[in-house]
Full PDB file with SEQRES, HELIX, SHEET, SSBOND, CRYST1, ORIGX, SCALE, CONECT and MASTER records, all heavy atoms in Angstrom:
SEQRES   1 A   42  SER ALA PRO VAL ILE ARG GLU ALA GLY GLY ASP ARG SER          
SEQRES   2 A   42  ALA VAL THR GLY GLY THR GLN VAL LEU SER ASP ARG LEU          
SEQRES   3 A   42  LYS ILE ARG ILE THR THR ALA PRO GLY SER SER PHE VAL          
SEQRES   4 A   42  ASP ARG MET                                                  
HELIX    1 AA1 GLY A   10  ARG A   12  5                                   3    
HELIX    2 AA2 PHE A   38  ARG A   41  1                                   4    
CRYST1    1.000    1.000    1.000  90.00  90.00  90.00 P 1           1          
ORIGX1      1.000000  0.000000  0.000000        0.00000                         
ORIGX2      0.000000  1.000000  0.000000        0.00000                         
ORIGX3      0.000000  0.000000  1.000000        0.00000                         
SCALE1      1.000000  0.000000  0.000000        0.00000                         
SCALE2      0.000000  1.000000  0.000000        0.00000                         
SCALE3      0.000000  0.000000  1.000000        0.00000                         
ATOM      1  N   SER A   1     -28.548-132.143 154.827  1.00  0.00           N  
ATOM      2  CA  SER A   1     -28.821-130.759 154.458  1.00  0.00           C  
ATOM      3  C   SER A   1     -27.554-129.982 154.151  1.00  0.00           C  
ATOM      4  O   SER A   1     -27.610-128.926 153.525  1.00  0.00           O  
ATOM      5  CB  SER A   1     -29.586-130.065 155.588  1.00  0.00           C  
ATOM      6  OG  SER A   1     -28.854-130.135 156.789  1.00  0.00           O  
ATOM      7  N   ALA A   2     -26.387-130.447 154.578  1.00  0.00           N  
ATOM      8  CA  ALA A   2     -25.144-129.729 154.340  1.00  0.00           C  
ATOM      9  C   ALA A   2     -24.783-129.783 152.859  1.00  0.00           C  
ATOM     10  O   ALA A   2     -24.713-130.868 152.280  1.00  0.00           O  
ATOM     11  CB  ALA A   2     -24.010-130.329 155.180  1.00  0.00           C  
ATOM     12  N   PRO A   3     -24.577-128.626 152.220  1.00  0.00           N  
ATOM     13  CA  PRO A   3     -24.235-128.628 150.788  1.00  0.00           C  
ATOM     14  C   PRO A   3     -22.822-129.135 150.558  1.00  0.00           C  
ATOM     15  O   PRO A   3     -21.987-129.170 151.450  1.00  0.00           O  
ATOM     16  CB  PRO A   3     -24.368-127.149 150.407  1.00  0.00           C  
ATOM     17  CG  PRO A   3     -24.119-126.406 151.674  1.00  0.00           C  
ATOM     18  CD  PRO A   3     -24.662-127.271 152.773  1.00  0.00           C  
ATOM     19  N   VAL A   4     -22.540-129.538 149.312  1.00  0.00           N  
ATOM     20  CA  VAL A   4     -21.216-130.018 148.917  1.00  0.00           C  
ATOM     21  C   VAL A   4     -20.733-129.182 147.750  1.00  0.00           C  
ATOM     22  O   VAL A   4     -21.509-128.526 147.061  1.00  0.00           O  
ATOM     23  CB  VAL A   4     -21.242-131.510 148.545  1.00  0.00           C  
ATOM     24  CG1 VAL A   4     -21.620-132.361 149.731  1.00  0.00           C  
ATOM     25  CG2 VAL A   4     -22.222-131.756 147.392  1.00  0.00           C  
ATOM     26  N   ILE A   5     -19.419-129.187 147.554  1.00  0.00           N  
ATOM     27  CA  ILE A   5     -18.819-128.445 146.450  1.00  0.00           C  
ATOM     28  C   ILE A   5     -18.640-129.393 145.265  1.00  0.00           C  
ATOM     29  O   ILE A   5     -18.115-130.490 145.413  1.00  0.00           O  
ATOM     30  CB  ILE A   5     -17.463-127.839 146.857  1.00  0.00           C  
ATOM     31  CG1 ILE A   5     -17.655-126.856 148.028  1.00  0.00           C  
ATOM     32  CG2 ILE A   5     -16.822-127.125 145.664  1.00  0.00           C  
ATOM     33  CD1 ILE A   5     -18.563-125.684 147.710  1.00  0.00           C  
ATOM     34  N   ARG A   6     -19.064-128.951 144.095  1.00  0.00           N  
ATOM     35  CA  ARG A   6     -18.857-129.700 142.866  1.00  0.00           C  
ATOM     36  C   ARG A   6     -18.152-128.781 141.877  1.00  0.00           C  
ATOM     37  O   ARG A   6     -18.525-127.617 141.718  1.00  0.00           O  
ATOM     38  CB  ARG A   6     -20.189-130.182 142.292  1.00  0.00           C  
ATOM     39  CG  ARG A   6     -20.872-131.229 143.175  1.00  0.00           C  
ATOM     40  CD  ARG A   6     -20.112-132.533 143.154  1.00  0.00           C  
ATOM     41  NE  ARG A   6     -20.700-133.546 144.005  1.00  0.00           N  
ATOM     42  CZ  ARG A   6     -20.181-133.944 145.152  1.00  0.00           C  
ATOM     43  NH1 ARG A   6     -19.069-133.395 145.596  1.00  0.00           N  
ATOM     44  NH2 ARG A   6     -20.758-134.906 145.849  1.00  0.00           N  
ATOM     45  N   GLU A   7     -17.091-129.322 141.235  1.00  0.00           N  
ATOM     46  CA  GLU A   7     -16.300-128.503 140.325  1.00  0.00           C  
ATOM     47  C   GLU A   7     -15.740-129.358 139.209  1.00  0.00           C  
ATOM     48  O   GLU A   7     -15.691-130.593 139.322  1.00  0.00           O  
ATOM     49  CB  GLU A   7     -15.162-127.805 141.072  1.00  0.00           C  
ATOM     50  CG  GLU A   7     -14.183-128.767 141.734  1.00  0.00           C  
ATOM     51  CD  GLU A   7     -13.088-128.045 142.485  1.00  0.00           C  
ATOM     52  OE1 GLU A   7     -12.696-126.967 142.042  1.00  0.00           O  
ATOM     53  OE2 GLU A   7     -12.642-128.574 143.512  1.00  0.00           O  
ATOM     54  N   ALA A   8     -15.301-128.697 138.162  1.00  0.00           N  
ATOM     55  CA  ALA A   8     -14.736-129.415 137.020  1.00  0.00           C  
ATOM     56  C   ALA A   8     -13.402-130.041 137.406  1.00  0.00           C  
ATOM     57  O   ALA A   8     -12.615-129.443 138.148  1.00  0.00           O  
ATOM     58  CB  ALA A   8     -14.548-128.457 135.852  1.00  0.00           C  
ATOM     59  N   GLY A   9     -13.157-131.246 136.894  1.00  0.00           N  
ATOM     60  CA  GLY A   9     -11.897-131.930 137.163  1.00  0.00           C  
ATOM     61  C   GLY A   9     -11.883-132.561 138.547  1.00  0.00           C  
ATOM     62  O   GLY A   9     -12.685-132.259 139.418  1.00  0.00           O  
ATOM     63  N   GLY A  10     -10.968-133.503 138.758  1.00  0.00           N  
ATOM     64  CA  GLY A  10     -10.823-134.112 140.070  1.00  0.00           C  
ATOM     65  C   GLY A  10     -11.954-135.073 140.397  1.00  0.00           C  
ATOM     66  O   GLY A  10     -12.694-135.526 139.525  1.00  0.00           O  
ATOM     67  N   ASP A  11     -12.060-135.406 141.678  1.00  0.00           N  
ATOM     68  CA  ASP A  11     -13.047-136.404 142.100  1.00  0.00           C  
ATOM     69  C   ASP A  11     -14.304-135.747 142.660  1.00  0.00           C  
ATOM     70  O   ASP A  11     -15.085-136.401 143.325  1.00  0.00           O  
ATOM     71  CB  ASP A  11     -12.442-137.377 143.119  1.00  0.00           C  
ATOM     72  CG  ASP A  11     -12.091-136.712 144.423  1.00  0.00           C  
ATOM     73  OD1 ASP A  11     -12.090-135.463 144.458  1.00  0.00           O  
ATOM     74  OD2 ASP A  11     -11.807-137.433 145.410  1.00  0.00           O  
ATOM     75  N   ARG A  12     -14.486-134.449 142.387  1.00  0.00           N  
ATOM     76  CA  ARG A  12     -15.700-133.778 142.825  1.00  0.00           C  
ATOM     77  C   ARG A  12     -16.478-133.228 141.633  1.00  0.00           C  
ATOM     78  O   ARG A  12     -17.212-132.258 141.739  1.00  0.00           O  
ATOM     79  CB  ARG A  12     -15.358-132.640 143.793  1.00  0.00           C  
ATOM     80  CG  ARG A  12     -14.736-133.118 145.093  1.00  0.00           C  
ATOM     81  CD  ARG A  12     -14.655-132.008 146.129  1.00  0.00           C  
ATOM     82  NE  ARG A  12     -13.815-130.910 145.684  1.00  0.00           N  
ATOM     83  CZ  ARG A  12     -13.607-129.800 146.394  1.00  0.00           C  
ATOM     84  NH1 ARG A  12     -14.190-129.655 147.571  1.00  0.00           N  
ATOM     85  NH2 ARG A  12     -12.829-128.835 145.946  1.00  0.00           N  
ATOM     86  N   SER A  13     -16.305-133.877 140.484  1.00  0.00           N  
ATOM     87  CA  SER A  13     -16.950-133.369 139.267  1.00  0.00           C  
ATOM     88  C   SER A  13     -18.271-134.068 138.964  1.00  0.00           C  
ATOM     89  O   SER A  13     -19.063-133.562 138.182  1.00  0.00           O  
ATOM     90  CB  SER A  13     -16.013-133.523 138.068  1.00  0.00           C  
ATOM     91  OG  SER A  13     -15.714-134.895 137.860  1.00  0.00           O  
ATOM     92  N   ALA A  14     -18.507-135.236 139.583  1.00  0.00           N  
ATOM     93  CA  ALA A  14     -19.742-135.979 139.298  1.00  0.00           C  
ATOM     94  C   ALA A  14     -20.922-135.351 140.033  1.00  0.00           C  
ATOM     95  O   ALA A  14     -20.825-135.008 141.207  1.00  0.00           O  
ATOM     96  CB  ALA A  14     -19.581-137.436 139.717  1.00  0.00           C  
ATOM     97  N   VAL A  15     -22.032-135.203 139.337  1.00  0.00           N  
ATOM     98  CA  VAL A  15     -23.246-134.661 139.943  1.00  0.00           C  
ATOM     99  C   VAL A  15     -24.408-135.608 139.650  1.00  0.00           C  
ATOM    100  O   VAL A  15     -24.379-136.389 138.691  1.00  0.00           O  
ATOM    101  CB  VAL A  15     -23.571-133.250 139.400  1.00  0.00           C  
ATOM    102  CG1 VAL A  15     -22.565-132.229 139.888  1.00  0.00           C  
ATOM    103  CG2 VAL A  15     -23.644-133.259 137.873  1.00  0.00           C  
ATOM    104  N   THR A  16     -25.420-135.534 140.493  1.00  0.00           N  
ATOM    105  CA  THR A  16     -26.569-136.431 140.407  1.00  0.00           C  
ATOM    106  C   THR A  16     -27.818-135.648 140.050  1.00  0.00           C  
ATOM    107  O   THR A  16     -28.066-134.572 140.598  1.00  0.00           O  
ATOM    108  CB  THR A  16     -26.775-137.158 141.749  1.00  0.00           C  
ATOM    109  OG1 THR A  16     -25.571-137.835 142.096  1.00  0.00           O  
ATOM    110  CG2 THR A  16     -27.911-138.164 141.656  1.00  0.00           C  
ATOM    111  N   GLY A  17     -28.605-136.179 139.138  1.00  0.00           N  
ATOM    112  CA  GLY A  17     -29.841-135.535 138.743  1.00  0.00           C  
ATOM    113  C   GLY A  17     -30.793-135.372 139.917  1.00  0.00           C  
ATOM    114  O   GLY A  17     -30.910-136.249 140.761  1.00  0.00           O  
ATOM    115  N   GLY A  18     -31.485-134.224 139.959  1.00  0.00           N  
ATOM    116  CA  GLY A  18     -32.431-133.960 141.042  1.00  0.00           C  
ATOM    117  C   GLY A  18     -31.851-133.169 142.172  1.00  0.00           C  
ATOM    118  O   GLY A  18     -32.575-132.760 143.075  1.00  0.00           O  
ATOM    119  N   THR A  19     -30.527-132.960 142.177  1.00  0.00           N  
ATOM    120  CA  THR A  19     -29.922-132.133 143.219  1.00  0.00           C  
ATOM    121  C   THR A  19     -29.915-130.673 142.767  1.00  0.00           C  
ATOM    122  O   THR A  19     -30.046-130.375 141.582  1.00  0.00           O  
ATOM    123  CB  THR A  19     -28.494-132.612 143.530  1.00  0.00           C  
ATOM    124  OG1 THR A  19     -27.698-132.585 142.334  1.00  0.00           O  
ATOM    125  CG2 THR A  19     -28.531-134.049 144.062  1.00  0.00           C  
ATOM    126  N   GLN A  20     -29.735-129.763 143.728  1.00  0.00           N  
ATOM    127  CA  GLN A  20     -29.965-128.347 143.455  1.00  0.00           C  
ATOM    128  C   GLN A  20     -28.688-127.530 143.601  1.00  0.00           C  
ATOM    129  O   GLN A  20     -27.953-127.661 144.580  1.00  0.00           O  
ATOM    130  CB  GLN A  20     -31.020-127.807 144.416  1.00  0.00           C  
ATOM    131  CG  GLN A  20     -31.433-126.365 144.153  1.00  0.00           C  
ATOM    132  CD  GLN A  20     -32.438-125.865 145.165  1.00  0.00           C  
ATOM    133  OE1 GLN A  20     -32.374-126.228 146.328  1.00  0.00           O  
ATOM    134  NE2 GLN A  20     -33.367-125.042 144.730  1.00  0.00           N  
ATOM    135  N   VAL A  21     -28.424-126.687 142.617  1.00  0.00           N  
ATOM    136  CA  VAL A  21     -27.290-125.766 142.661  1.00  0.00           C  
ATOM    137  C   VAL A  21     -27.666-124.579 143.548  1.00  0.00           C  
ATOM    138  O   VAL A  21     -28.674-123.910 143.322  1.00  0.00           O  
ATOM    139  CB  VAL A  21     -26.913-125.289 141.252  1.00  0.00           C  
ATOM    140  CG1 VAL A  21     -25.826-124.215 141.319  1.00  0.00           C  
ATOM    141  CG2 VAL A  21     -26.445-126.456 140.398  1.00  0.00           C  
ATOM    142  N   LEU A  22     -26.851-124.348 144.579  1.00  0.00           N  
ATOM    143  CA  LEU A  22     -27.147-123.274 145.535  1.00  0.00           C  
ATOM    144  C   LEU A  22     -26.415-121.973 145.211  1.00  0.00           C  
ATOM    145  O   LEU A  22     -26.824-120.910 145.678  1.00  0.00           O  
ATOM    146  CB  LEU A  22     -26.782-123.729 146.947  1.00  0.00           C  
ATOM    147  CG  LEU A  22     -27.545-124.930 147.504  1.00  0.00           C  
ATOM    148  CD1 LEU A  22     -27.058-125.259 148.906  1.00  0.00           C  
ATOM    149  CD2 LEU A  22     -29.046-124.656 147.510  1.00  0.00           C  
ATOM    150  N   SER A  23     -25.320-122.066 144.474  1.00  0.00           N  
ATOM    151  CA  SER A  23     -24.571-120.848 144.167  1.00  0.00           C  
ATOM    152  C   SER A  23     -23.862-121.016 142.818  1.00  0.00           C  
ATOM    153  O   SER A  23     -23.604-122.140 142.390  1.00  0.00           O  
ATOM    154  CB  SER A  23     -23.521-120.569 145.255  1.00  0.00           C  
ATOM    155  OG  SER A  23     -22.523-121.581 145.241  1.00  0.00           O  
ATOM    156  N   ASP A  24     -23.595-119.922 142.175  1.00  0.00           N  
ATOM    157  CA  ASP A  24     -22.818-119.900 140.932  1.00  0.00           C  
ATOM    158  C   ASP A  24     -23.520-120.688 139.811  1.00  0.00           C  
ATOM    159  O   ASP A  24     -24.727-120.873 139.853  1.00  0.00           O  
ATOM    160  CB  ASP A  24     -21.398-120.422 141.195  1.00  0.00           C  
ATOM    161  CG  ASP A  24     -20.722-119.623 142.300  1.00  0.00           C  
ATOM    162  OD1 ASP A  24     -20.464-118.431 142.088  1.00  0.00           O  
ATOM    163  OD2 ASP A  24     -20.491-120.188 143.374  1.00  0.00           O  
ATOM    164  N   ARG A  25     -22.738-121.175 138.875  1.00  0.00           N  
ATOM    165  CA  ARG A  25     -23.309-121.903 137.741  1.00  0.00           C  
ATOM    166  C   ARG A  25     -22.371-123.000 137.295  1.00  0.00           C  
ATOM    167  O   ARG A  25     -21.150-122.918 137.497  1.00  0.00           O  
ATOM    168  CB  ARG A  25     -23.617-120.959 136.572  1.00  0.00           C  
ATOM    169  CG  ARG A  25     -22.431-120.149 136.111  1.00  0.00           C  
ATOM    170  CD  ARG A  25     -22.790-119.218 134.982  1.00  0.00           C  
ATOM    171  NE  ARG A  25     -22.614-119.865 133.687  1.00  0.00           N  
ATOM    172  CZ  ARG A  25     -23.018-119.338 132.543  1.00  0.00           C  
ATOM    173  NH1 ARG A  25     -23.666-118.189 132.532  1.00  0.00           N  
ATOM    174  NH2 ARG A  25     -22.814-119.961 131.410  1.00  0.00           N  
ATOM    175  N   LEU A  26     -22.945-124.018 136.682  1.00  0.00           N  
ATOM    176  CA  LEU A  26     -22.169-125.170 136.226  1.00  0.00           C  
ATOM    177  C   LEU A  26     -22.550-125.507 134.802  1.00  0.00           C  
ATOM    178  O   LEU A  26     -23.714-125.405 134.410  1.00  0.00           O  
ATOM    179  CB  LEU A  26     -22.442-126.399 137.108  1.00  0.00           C  
ATOM    180  CG  LEU A  26     -22.064-126.331 138.589  1.00  0.00           C  
ATOM    181  CD1 LEU A  26     -22.551-127.585 139.302  1.00  0.00           C  
ATOM    182  CD2 LEU A  26     -20.552-126.178 138.757  1.00  0.00           C  
ATOM    183  N   LYS A  27     -21.554-125.927 134.044  1.00  0.00           N  
ATOM    184  CA  LYS A  27     -21.816-126.585 132.771  1.00  0.00           C  
ATOM    185  C   LYS A  27     -21.604-128.075 133.002  1.00  0.00           C  
ATOM    186  O   LYS A  27     -20.561-128.504 133.494  1.00  0.00           O  
ATOM    187  CB  LYS A  27     -20.867-126.079 131.680  1.00  0.00           C  
ATOM    188  CG  LYS A  27     -21.268-124.773 131.047  1.00  0.00           C  
ATOM    189  CD  LYS A  27     -20.363-124.433 129.880  1.00  0.00           C  
ATOM    190  CE  LYS A  27     -20.723-123.072 129.291  1.00  0.00           C  
ATOM    191  NZ  LYS A  27     -19.815-122.716 128.163  1.00  0.00           N  
ATOM    192  N   ILE A  28     -22.604-128.847 132.631  1.00  0.00           N  
ATOM    193  CA  ILE A  28     -22.590-130.272 132.955  1.00  0.00           C  
ATOM    194  C   ILE A  28     -22.790-131.084 131.683  1.00  0.00           C  
ATOM    195  O   ILE A  28     -23.704-130.814 130.888  1.00  0.00           O  
ATOM    196  CB  ILE A  28     -23.705-130.611 133.972  1.00  0.00           C  
ATOM    197  CG1 ILE A  28     -23.466-129.831 135.268  1.00  0.00           C  
ATOM    198  CG2 ILE A  28     -23.776-132.112 134.243  1.00  0.00           C  
ATOM    199  CD1 ILE A  28     -24.656-129.849 136.204  1.00  0.00           C  
ATOM    200  N   ARG A  29     -21.932-132.088 131.514  1.00  0.00           N  
ATOM    201  CA  ARG A  29     -22.106-133.031 130.400  1.00  0.00           C  
ATOM    202  C   ARG A  29     -22.866-134.244 130.911  1.00  0.00           C  
ATOM    203  O   ARG A  29     -22.466-134.886 131.879  1.00  0.00           O  
ATOM    204  CB  ARG A  29     -20.755-133.455 129.830  1.00  0.00           C  
ATOM    205  CG  ARG A  29     -20.893-134.459 128.649  1.00  0.00           C  
ATOM    206  CD  ARG A  29     -19.560-134.938 128.135  1.00  0.00           C  
ATOM    207  NE  ARG A  29     -18.806-133.859 127.507  1.00  0.00           N  
ATOM    208  CZ  ARG A  29     -17.670-133.367 127.985  1.00  0.00           C  
ATOM    209  NH1 ARG A  29     -17.173-133.852 129.130  1.00  0.00           N  
ATOM    210  NH2 ARG A  29     -17.044-132.391 127.362  1.00  0.00           N  
ATOM    211  N   ILE A  30     -23.995-134.560 130.309  1.00  0.00           N  
ATOM    212  CA  ILE A  30     -24.828-135.683 130.729  1.00  0.00           C  
ATOM    213  C   ILE A  30     -24.120-137.004 130.415  1.00  0.00           C  
ATOM    214  O   ILE A  30     -23.595-137.197 129.306  1.00  0.00           O  
ATOM    215  CB  ILE A  30     -26.211-135.644 130.028  1.00  0.00           C  
ATOM    216  CG1 ILE A  30     -26.947-134.338 130.392  1.00  0.00           C  
ATOM    217  CG2 ILE A  30     -27.049-136.848 130.422  1.00  0.00           C  
ATOM    218  CD1 ILE A  30     -27.213-134.167 131.863  1.00  0.00           C  
ATOM    219  N   THR A  31     -24.105-137.909 131.389  1.00  0.00           N  
ATOM    220  CA  THR A  31     -23.357-139.170 131.227  1.00  0.00           C  
ATOM    221  C   THR A  31     -24.243-140.413 131.275  1.00  0.00           C  
ATOM    222  O   THR A  31     -23.728-141.527 131.138  1.00  0.00           O  
ATOM    223  CB  THR A  31     -22.284-139.288 132.319  1.00  0.00           C  
ATOM    224  OG1 THR A  31     -22.916-139.194 133.605  1.00  0.00           O  
ATOM    225  CG2 THR A  31     -21.247-138.194 132.187  1.00  0.00           C  
ATOM    226  N   THR A  32     -25.541-140.247 131.506  1.00  0.00           N  
ATOM    227  CA  THR A  32     -26.424-141.417 131.546  1.00  0.00           C  
ATOM    228  C   THR A  32     -27.644-141.191 130.669  1.00  0.00           C  
ATOM    229  O   THR A  32     -28.103-140.056 130.492  1.00  0.00           O  
ATOM    230  CB  THR A  32     -26.917-141.727 132.974  1.00  0.00           C  
ATOM    231  OG1 THR A  32     -27.585-140.581 133.505  1.00  0.00           O  
ATOM    232  CG2 THR A  32     -25.753-142.106 133.880  1.00  0.00           C  
ATOM    233  N   ALA A  33     -28.180-142.287 130.156  1.00  0.00           N  
ATOM    234  CA  ALA A  33     -29.368-142.207 129.307  1.00  0.00           C  
ATOM    235  C   ALA A  33     -30.617-142.067 130.157  1.00  0.00           C  
ATOM    236  O   ALA A  33     -30.612-142.431 131.345  1.00  0.00           O  
ATOM    237  CB  ALA A  33     -29.455-143.471 128.442  1.00  0.00           C  
ATOM    238  N   PRO A  34     -31.711-141.536 129.607  1.00  0.00           N  
ATOM    239  CA  PRO A  34     -32.957-141.410 130.368  1.00  0.00           C  
ATOM    240  C   PRO A  34     -33.419-142.764 130.911  1.00  0.00           C  
ATOM    241  O   PRO A  34     -33.337-143.783 130.230  1.00  0.00           O  
ATOM    242  CB  PRO A  34     -33.940-140.864 129.317  1.00  0.00           C  
ATOM    243  CG  PRO A  34     -33.097-140.210 128.281  1.00  0.00           C  
ATOM    244  CD  PRO A  34     -31.827-141.009 128.237  1.00  0.00           C  
ATOM    245  N   GLY A  35     -33.884-142.749 132.151  1.00  0.00           N  
ATOM    246  CA  GLY A  35     -34.385-143.966 132.770  1.00  0.00           C  
ATOM    247  C   GLY A  35     -33.325-144.831 133.416  1.00  0.00           C  
ATOM    248  O   GLY A  35     -33.648-145.810 134.093  1.00  0.00           O  
ATOM    249  N   SER A  36     -32.045-144.488 133.210  1.00  0.00           N  
ATOM    250  CA  SER A  36     -30.975-145.291 133.805  1.00  0.00           C  
ATOM    251  C   SER A  36     -30.093-144.475 134.731  1.00  0.00           C  
ATOM    252  O   SER A  36     -28.986-144.890 135.050  1.00  0.00           O  
ATOM    253  CB  SER A  36     -30.113-145.919 132.691  1.00  0.00           C  
ATOM    254  OG  SER A  36     -29.499-144.910 131.913  1.00  0.00           O  
ATOM    255  N   SER A  37     -30.578-143.314 135.145  1.00  0.00           N  
ATOM    256  CA  SER A  37     -29.787-142.474 136.031  1.00  0.00           C  
ATOM    257  C   SER A  37     -29.678-143.102 137.413  1.00  0.00           C  
ATOM    258  O   SER A  37     -30.403-144.044 137.751  1.00  0.00           O  
ATOM    259  CB  SER A  37     -30.410-141.076 136.157  1.00  0.00           C  
ATOM    260  OG  SER A  37     -31.631-141.161 136.883  1.00  0.00           O  
ATOM    261  N   PHE A  38     -28.790-142.555 138.198  1.00  0.00           N  
ATOM    262  CA  PHE A  38     -28.602-143.067 139.556  1.00  0.00           C  
ATOM    263  C   PHE A  38     -29.888-142.921 140.366  1.00  0.00           C  
ATOM    264  O   PHE A  38     -30.258-143.814 141.122  1.00  0.00           O  
ATOM    265  CB  PHE A  38     -27.461-142.300 140.228  1.00  0.00           C  
ATOM    266  CG  PHE A  38     -27.097-142.844 141.569  1.00  0.00           C  
ATOM    267  CD1 PHE A  38     -26.569-144.106 141.692  1.00  0.00           C  
ATOM    268  CD2 PHE A  38     -27.300-142.089 142.719  1.00  0.00           C  
ATOM    269  CE1 PHE A  38     -26.232-144.619 142.936  1.00  0.00           C  
ATOM    270  CE2 PHE A  38     -26.969-142.589 143.955  1.00  0.00           C  
ATOM    271  CZ  PHE A  38     -26.426-143.852 144.062  1.00  0.00           C  
ATOM    272  N   VAL A  39     -30.586-141.810 140.195  1.00  0.00           N  
ATOM    273  CA  VAL A  39     -31.837-141.604 140.923  1.00  0.00           C  
ATOM    274  C   VAL A  39     -32.874-142.660 140.508  1.00  0.00           C  
ATOM    275  O   VAL A  39     -33.587-143.203 141.344  1.00  0.00           O  
ATOM    276  CB  VAL A  39     -32.376-140.188 140.690  1.00  0.00           C  
ATOM    277  CG1 VAL A  39     -33.793-140.045 141.223  1.00  0.00           C  
ATOM    278  CG2 VAL A  39     -31.463-139.157 141.349  1.00  0.00           C  
ATOM    279  N   ASP A  40     -32.960-142.939 139.198  1.00  0.00           N  
ATOM    280  CA  ASP A  40     -33.906-143.958 138.737  1.00  0.00           C  
ATOM    281  C   ASP A  40     -33.606-145.311 139.371  1.00  0.00           C  
ATOM    282  O   ASP A  40     -34.511-146.023 139.791  1.00  0.00           O  
ATOM    283  CB  ASP A  40     -33.853-144.083 137.209  1.00  0.00           C  
ATOM    284  CG  ASP A  40     -34.429-142.868 136.498  1.00  0.00           C  
ATOM    285  OD1 ASP A  40     -35.520-142.438 136.886  1.00  0.00           O  
ATOM    286  OD2 ASP A  40     -33.773-142.353 135.581  1.00  0.00           O  
ATOM    287  N   ARG A  41     -32.325-145.661 139.436  1.00  0.00           N  
ATOM    288  CA  ARG A  41     -31.962-146.950 140.041  1.00  0.00           C  
ATOM    289  C   ARG A  41     -32.254-146.959 141.526  1.00  0.00           C  
ATOM    290  O   ARG A  41     -32.705-147.962 142.089  1.00  0.00           O  
ATOM    291  CB  ARG A  41     -30.490-147.248 139.781  1.00  0.00           C  
ATOM    292  CG  ARG A  41     -30.161-147.447 138.314  1.00  0.00           C  
ATOM    293  CD  ARG A  41     -28.808-148.099 138.126  1.00  0.00           C  
ATOM    294  NE  ARG A  41     -27.743-147.375 138.778  1.00  0.00           N  
ATOM    295  CZ  ARG A  41     -27.112-146.336 138.239  1.00  0.00           C  
ATOM    296  NH1 ARG A  41     -27.468-145.912 137.048  1.00  0.00           N  
ATOM    297  NH2 ARG A  41     -26.123-145.727 138.883  1.00  0.00           N  
ATOM    298  N   MET A  42     -32.002-145.831 142.184  1.00  0.00           N  
ATOM    299  CA  MET A  42     -32.289-145.746 143.610  1.00  0.00           C  
ATOM    300  C   MET A  42     -33.780-145.911 143.879  1.00  0.00           C  
ATOM    301  O   MET A  42     -34.177-146.646 144.804  1.00  0.00           O  
ATOM    302  CB  MET A  42     -31.820-144.393 144.172  1.00  0.00           C  
ATOM    303  CG  MET A  42     -30.328-144.302 144.421  1.00  0.00           C  
ATOM    304  SD  MET A  42     -29.875-142.668 145.014  1.00  0.00           S  
ATOM    305  CE  MET A  42     -30.814-142.564 146.516  1.00  0.00           C  
TER     306      MET A  42                                                      
MASTER        0    0    0    2    0    0    0    6  305    1    0    4          
END                                                                             
């Protein structure tokens, strides 16, 4: 339940589909094709 910080650059820039933004806003570049996301594989 503890939230994490995600930001541009560095090793905290990767985000996973299905997770929820709790504050502020993000611009995200999609890096996986439909059906092959990390959540789909999980």
